[in-house]
Amino acid sequence: MSDNLDPLESVTASELVSASLLAALIPALVDRGVLTQQDANEIYENALMMLEMQHSAEPDVQRIYEAAREMIESHLRPE
């Protein structure tokens, strides 16, 4: 299946796998007591900081960074 993907699709698929794994991993580590909720929040805050450091000034990708920021910030909101 992945042999039929163009390079952009392959990168996108790889990013989706990474994001999905991390999205599942952090709450699982909190649930198992490996991380505290404060630890998880620090991870998300560091991710936001890293995203800001990578943030592009290009208008064409501005929406992508904003969407990524919103996704990370959603993990920091109380349920």
C-alpha atoms as a PDB file:
ATOM      1  CA  MET A   1       0.000   0.000   0.000  1.00  0.00           C
ATOM      2  CA  SER A   2       2.675   2.523   0.975  1.00  0.00           C
ATOM      3  CA  ASP A   3       4.543   1.756  -2.247  1.00  0.00           C
ATOM      4  CA  ASN A   4       1.824   3.600  -4.153  1.00  0.00           C
ATOM      5  CA  LEU A   5       2.194   6.849  -2.197  1.00  0.00           C
ATOM      6  CA  ASP A   6       3.950   9.888  -3.566  1.00  0.00           C
ATOM      7  CA  PRO A   7       6.644  11.462  -1.343  1.00  0.00           C
ATOM      8  CA  LEU A   8       4.290  14.020   0.214  1.00  0.00           C
ATOM      9  CA  GLU A   9       1.722  11.352   1.025  1.00  0.00           C
ATOM     10  CA  SER A  10       4.440   9.202   2.595  1.00  0.00           C
ATOM     11  CA  VAL A  11       5.593  12.059   4.814  1.00  0.00           C
ATOM     12  CA  THR A  12       2.022  12.867   5.778  1.00  0.00           C
ATOM     13  CA  ALA A  13       1.326   9.227   6.653  1.00  0.00           C
ATOM     14  CA  SER A  14       4.487   9.096   8.751  1.00  0.00           C
ATOM     15  CA  GLU A  15       3.516  12.256  10.616  1.00  0.00           C
ATOM     16  CA  LEU A  16       0.035  10.875  11.278  1.00  0.00           C
ATOM     17  CA  VAL A  17       1.519   7.690  12.723  1.00  0.00           C
ATOM     18  CA  SER A  18       3.831   9.679  15.011  1.00  0.00           C
ATOM     19  CA  ALA A  19       1.073  12.016  16.147  1.00  0.00           C
ATOM     20  CA  SER A  20      -1.330   9.142  16.802  1.00  0.00           C
ATOM     21  CA  LEU A  21       1.216   7.211  18.823  1.00  0.00           C
ATOM     22  CA  LEU A  22       2.090  10.223  20.954  1.00  0.00           C
ATOM     23  CA  ALA A  23      -1.558  11.116  21.435  1.00  0.00           C
ATOM     24  CA  ALA A  24      -2.150   7.602  22.780  1.00  0.00           C
ATOM     25  CA  LEU A  25       1.100   7.323  24.732  1.00  0.00           C
ATOM     26  CA  ILE A  26       0.908  10.360  27.006  1.00  0.00           C
ATOM     27  CA  PRO A  27      -2.544   9.621  28.497  1.00  0.00           C
ATOM     28  CA  ALA A  28      -1.614   5.937  28.845  1.00  0.00           C
ATOM     29  CA  LEU A  29       1.501   6.873  30.824  1.00  0.00           C
ATOM     30  CA  VAL A  30      -0.592   9.118  33.065  1.00  0.00           C
ATOM     31  CA  ASP A  31      -3.183   6.359  33.564  1.00  0.00           C
ATOM     32  CA  ARG A  32      -0.430   3.925  34.582  1.00  0.00           C
ATOM     33  CA  GLY A  33       1.121   6.382  36.999  1.00  0.00           C
ATOM     34  CA  VAL A  34       4.363   6.705  35.046  1.00  0.00           C
ATOM     35  CA  LEU A  35       3.666  10.401  34.475  1.00  0.00           C
ATOM     36  CA  THR A  36       1.648  12.800  36.572  1.00  0.00           C
ATOM     37  CA  GLN A  37      -0.886  15.047  34.911  1.00  0.00           C
ATOM     38  CA  GLN A  38       1.546  17.893  35.592  1.00  0.00           C
ATOM     39  CA  ASP A  39       4.269  15.963  33.731  1.00  0.00           C
ATOM     40  CA  ALA A  40       1.904  15.470  30.785  1.00  0.00           C
ATOM     41  CA  ASN A  41       1.027  19.168  30.777  1.00  0.00           C
ATOM     42  CA  GLU A  42       4.726  20.055  30.719  1.00  0.00           C
ATOM     43  CA  ILE A  43       5.189  17.785  27.693  1.00  0.00           C
ATOM     44  CA  TYR A  44       2.341  19.521  25.876  1.00  0.00           C
ATOM     45  CA  GLU A  45       3.681  22.956  26.862  1.00  0.00           C
ATOM     46  CA  ASN A  46       7.132  22.007  25.572  1.00  0.00           C
ATOM     47  CA  ALA A  47       5.529  20.795  22.347  1.00  0.00           C
ATOM     48  CA  LEU A  48       3.860  24.194  21.981  1.00  0.00           C
ATOM     49  CA  MET A  49       7.185  25.908  22.545  1.00  0.00           C
ATOM     50  CA  MET A  50       8.870  23.705  19.927  1.00  0.00           C
ATOM     51  CA  LEU A  51       6.048  24.422  17.500  1.00  0.00           C
ATOM     52  CA  GLU A  52       6.498  28.151  18.024  1.00  0.00           C
ATOM     53  CA  MET A  53      10.232  27.808  17.351  1.00  0.00           C
ATOM     54  CA  GLN A  54       9.486  26.025  14.056  1.00  0.00           C
ATOM     55  CA  HIS A  55       6.625  28.356  13.154  1.00  0.00           C
ATOM     56  CA  SER A  56       6.942  29.632   9.647  1.00  0.00           C
ATOM     57  CA  ALA A  57       6.174  33.177   8.596  1.00  0.00           C
ATOM     58  CA  GLU A  58       4.906  31.835   5.290  1.00  0.00           C
ATOM     59  CA  PRO A  59       1.220  32.753   4.893  1.00  0.00           C
ATOM     60  CA  ASP A  60       0.552  29.523   2.977  1.00  0.00           C
ATOM     61  CA  VAL A  61       1.327  27.362   6.013  1.00  0.00           C
ATOM     62  CA  GLN A  62       0.087  29.691   8.754  1.00  0.00           C
ATOM     63  CA  ARG A  63      -3.202  27.783   9.059  1.00  0.00           C
ATOM     64  CA  ILE A  64      -1.346  24.502   9.510  1.00  0.00           C
ATOM     65  CA  TYR A  65       0.637  25.836  12.468  1.00  0.00           C
ATOM     66  CA  GLU A  66      -2.494  27.351  13.984  1.00  0.00           C
ATOM     67  CA  ALA A  67      -4.330  24.036  13.680  1.00  0.00           C
ATOM     68  CA  ALA A  68      -1.416  22.165  15.251  1.00  0.00           C
ATOM     69  CA  ARG A  69      -1.317  24.668  18.110  1.00  0.00           C
ATOM     70  CA  GLU A  70      -5.045  24.253  18.725  1.00  0.00           C
ATOM     71  CA  MET A  71      -4.685  20.472  18.805  1.00  0.00           C
ATOM     72  CA  ILE A  72      -1.916  20.617  21.399  1.00  0.00           C
ATOM     73  CA  GLU A  73      -3.710  23.243  23.456  1.00  0.00           C
ATOM     74  CA  SER A  74      -6.815  21.036  23.599  1.00  0.00           C
ATOM     75  CA  HIS A  75      -4.800  18.617  25.765  1.00  0.00           C
ATOM     76  CA  LEU A  76      -4.093  21.386  28.264  1.00  0.00           C
ATOM     77  CA  ARG A  77      -7.756  22.283  28.787  1.00  0.00           C
ATOM     78  CA  PRO A  78      -9.458  20.755  31.813  1.00  0.00           C
ATOM     79  CA  GLU A  79     -11.983  18.109  30.909  1.00  0.00           C
END
